């Protein structure tokens, strides 16, 4: 019983670290800035609505049409970086 319980605890711990390493980065096209939200469409076509404010670090000319990389947590943009402008 102890081995099973220990195995389950270890599995949960490993899975939580794996998800943390991938969570938080969104790459895609900035389709719209709506009030205090960025609307970003990723390569799979999924739309992400991410909040920003004065604490969000901006690199580049952040405007609709830019290809961006956003570091976010809990739906809030910690930083946004323009990778390139779409033509």
C-alpha atoms as a PDB file:
ATOM      1  CA  UNK A   1       0.000   0.000   0.000  1.00  0.00           C
ATOM      2  CA  UNK A   2       2.840   2.391   0.862  1.00  0.00           C
ATOM      3  CA  UNK A   3       4.500   1.750  -2.511  1.00  0.00           C
ATOM      4  CA  UNK A   4       1.301   2.532  -4.384  1.00  0.00           C
ATOM      5  CA  UNK A   5       0.731   5.721  -2.415  1.00  0.00           C
ATOM      6  CA  UNK A   6       4.350   6.805  -2.889  1.00  0.00           C
ATOM      7  CA  UNK A   7       4.108   6.090  -6.628  1.00  0.00           C
ATOM      8  CA  UNK A   8       0.974   8.201  -6.929  1.00  0.00           C
ATOM      9  CA  UNK A   9       2.555  11.098  -5.040  1.00  0.00           C
ATOM     10  CA  UNK A  10       5.653  10.933  -7.261  1.00  0.00           C
ATOM     11  CA  UNK A  11       3.532  10.828 -10.433  1.00  0.00           C
ATOM     12  CA  UNK A  12       1.556  13.893  -9.370  1.00  0.00           C
ATOM     13  CA  UNK A  13       4.758  15.769  -8.503  1.00  0.00           C
ATOM     14  CA  UNK A  14       6.370  14.969 -11.860  1.00  0.00           C
ATOM     15  CA  UNK A  15       3.256  15.920 -13.821  1.00  0.00           C
ATOM     16  CA  UNK A  16       2.938  19.231 -11.982  1.00  0.00           C
ATOM     17  CA  UNK A  17       6.521  20.188 -12.903  1.00  0.00           C
ATOM     18  CA  UNK A  18       6.007  19.181 -16.535  1.00  0.00           C
ATOM     19  CA  UNK A  19       2.887  21.324 -16.847  1.00  0.00           C
ATOM     20  CA  UNK A  20       4.586  24.294 -15.161  1.00  0.00           C
ATOM     21  CA  UNK A  21       7.421  24.268 -17.666  1.00  0.00           C
ATOM     22  CA  UNK A  22       5.041  24.526 -20.639  1.00  0.00           C
ATOM     23  CA  UNK A  23       2.361  26.742 -19.133  1.00  0.00           C
ATOM     24  CA  UNK A  24       2.696  30.445 -19.399  1.00  0.00           C
ATOM     25  CA  UNK A  25       4.087  30.974 -22.901  1.00  0.00           C
ATOM     26  CA  UNK A  26       1.742  31.897 -25.730  1.00  0.00           C
ATOM     27  CA  UNK A  27       3.041  32.515 -29.239  1.00  0.00           C
ATOM     28  CA  UNK A  28       0.867  33.737 -32.060  1.00  0.00           C
ATOM     29  CA  UNK A  29      -0.589  36.683 -33.897  1.00  0.00           C
ATOM     30  CA  UNK A  30      -1.887  39.662 -31.956  1.00  0.00           C
ATOM     31  CA  UNK A  31      -5.251  40.027 -33.661  1.00  0.00           C
ATOM     32  CA  UNK A  32      -6.718  42.797 -31.497  1.00  0.00           C
ATOM     33  CA  UNK A  33      -6.144  44.936 -28.422  1.00  0.00           C
ATOM     34  CA  UNK A  34      -9.499  45.214 -26.654  1.00  0.00           C
ATOM     35  CA  UNK A  35      -9.347  47.598 -23.689  1.00  0.00           C
ATOM     36  CA  UNK A  36      -6.848  45.978 -21.336  1.00  0.00           C
ATOM     37  CA  UNK A  37      -6.786  42.612 -23.124  1.00  0.00           C
ATOM     38  CA  UNK A  38      -4.626  41.183 -25.888  1.00  0.00           C
ATOM     39  CA  UNK A  39      -6.393  38.817 -28.266  1.00  0.00           C
ATOM     40  CA  UNK A  40      -3.835  36.336 -29.602  1.00  0.00           C
ATOM     41  CA  UNK A  41      -4.442  33.554 -32.122  1.00  0.00           C
ATOM     42  CA  UNK A  42      -1.914  30.721 -31.846  1.00  0.00           C
ATOM     43  CA  UNK A  43      -0.715  28.455 -34.687  1.00  0.00           C
ATOM     44  CA  UNK A  44      -3.551  25.991 -33.971  1.00  0.00           C
ATOM     45  CA  UNK A  45      -6.142  28.748 -34.395  1.00  0.00           C
ATOM     46  CA  UNK A  46      -6.991  28.925 -30.692  1.00  0.00           C
ATOM     47  CA  UNK A  47      -7.846  32.430 -29.460  1.00  0.00           C
ATOM     48  CA  UNK A  48      -6.263  33.552 -26.166  1.00  0.00           C
ATOM     49  CA  UNK A  49      -7.573  36.546 -24.200  1.00  0.00           C
ATOM     50  CA  UNK A  50      -4.765  37.821 -21.971  1.00  0.00           C
ATOM     51  CA  UNK A  51      -5.008  40.777 -19.579  1.00  0.00           C
ATOM     52  CA  UNK A  52      -2.293  43.439 -19.474  1.00  0.00           C
ATOM     53  CA  UNK A  53      -1.616  46.555 -17.409  1.00  0.00           C
ATOM     54  CA  UNK A  54       1.211  48.904 -16.461  1.00  0.00           C
ATOM     55  CA  UNK A  55       3.231  46.044 -14.980  1.00  0.00           C
ATOM     56  CA  UNK A  56       3.404  44.209 -18.323  1.00  0.00           C
ATOM     57  CA  UNK A  57       6.893  44.523 -19.847  1.00  0.00           C
ATOM     58  CA  UNK A  58       6.643  45.332 -23.581  1.00  0.00           C
ATOM     59  CA  UNK A  59       9.415  44.739 -26.107  1.00  0.00           C
ATOM     60  CA  UNK A  60       8.909  46.072 -29.616  1.00  0.00           C
ATOM     61  CA  UNK A  61       5.997  47.809 -31.309  1.00  0.00           C
ATOM     62  CA  UNK A  62       3.030  46.025 -29.713  1.00  0.00           C
ATOM     63  CA  UNK A  63       0.058  46.475 -32.051  1.00  0.00           C
ATOM     64  CA  UNK A  64      -2.465  44.397 -33.965  1.00  0.00           C
ATOM     65  CA  UNK A  65      -0.860  42.349 -36.714  1.00  0.00           C
ATOM     66  CA  UNK A  66       2.332  41.588 -34.796  1.00  0.00           C
ATOM     67  CA  UNK A  67       3.598  38.065 -34.246  1.00  0.00           C
ATOM     68  CA  UNK A  68       4.224  37.952 -30.489  1.00  0.00           C
ATOM     69  CA  UNK A  69       5.437  35.825 -27.610  1.00  0.00           C
ATOM     70  CA  UNK A  70       3.649  36.370 -24.308  1.00  0.00           C
ATOM     71  CA  UNK A  71       4.779  35.176 -20.884  1.00  0.00           C
ATOM     72  CA  UNK A  72       1.570  34.925 -18.881  1.00  0.00           C
ATOM     73  CA  UNK A  73       0.332  33.539 -15.607  1.00  0.00           C
ATOM     74  CA  UNK A  74      -3.305  33.160 -14.609  1.00  0.00           C
ATOM     75  CA  UNK A  75      -4.436  35.073 -17.697  1.00  0.00           C
ATOM     76  CA  UNK A  76      -2.203  38.103 -17.019  1.00  0.00           C
ATOM     77  CA  UNK A  77       0.656  39.084 -19.350  1.00  0.00           C
ATOM     78  CA  UNK A  78       3.923  39.443 -17.436  1.00  0.00           C
ATOM     79  CA  UNK A  79       5.679  40.376 -20.685  1.00  0.00           C
ATOM     80  CA  UNK A  80       4.986  40.600 -24.405  1.00  0.00           C
ATOM     81  CA  UNK A  81       7.675  40.545 -27.079  1.00  0.00           C
ATOM     82  CA  UNK A  82       7.116  41.351 -30.738  1.00  0.00           C
ATOM     83  CA  UNK A  83       8.835  38.729 -32.882  1.00  0.00           C
ATOM     84  CA  UNK A  84       7.904  40.223 -36.268  1.00  0.00           C
ATOM     85  CA  UNK A  85       5.184  42.191 -38.025  1.00  0.00           C
ATOM     86  CA  UNK A  86       2.910  40.322 -40.423  1.00  0.00           C
ATOM     87  CA  UNK A  87       2.800  41.731 -43.929  1.00  0.00           C
END
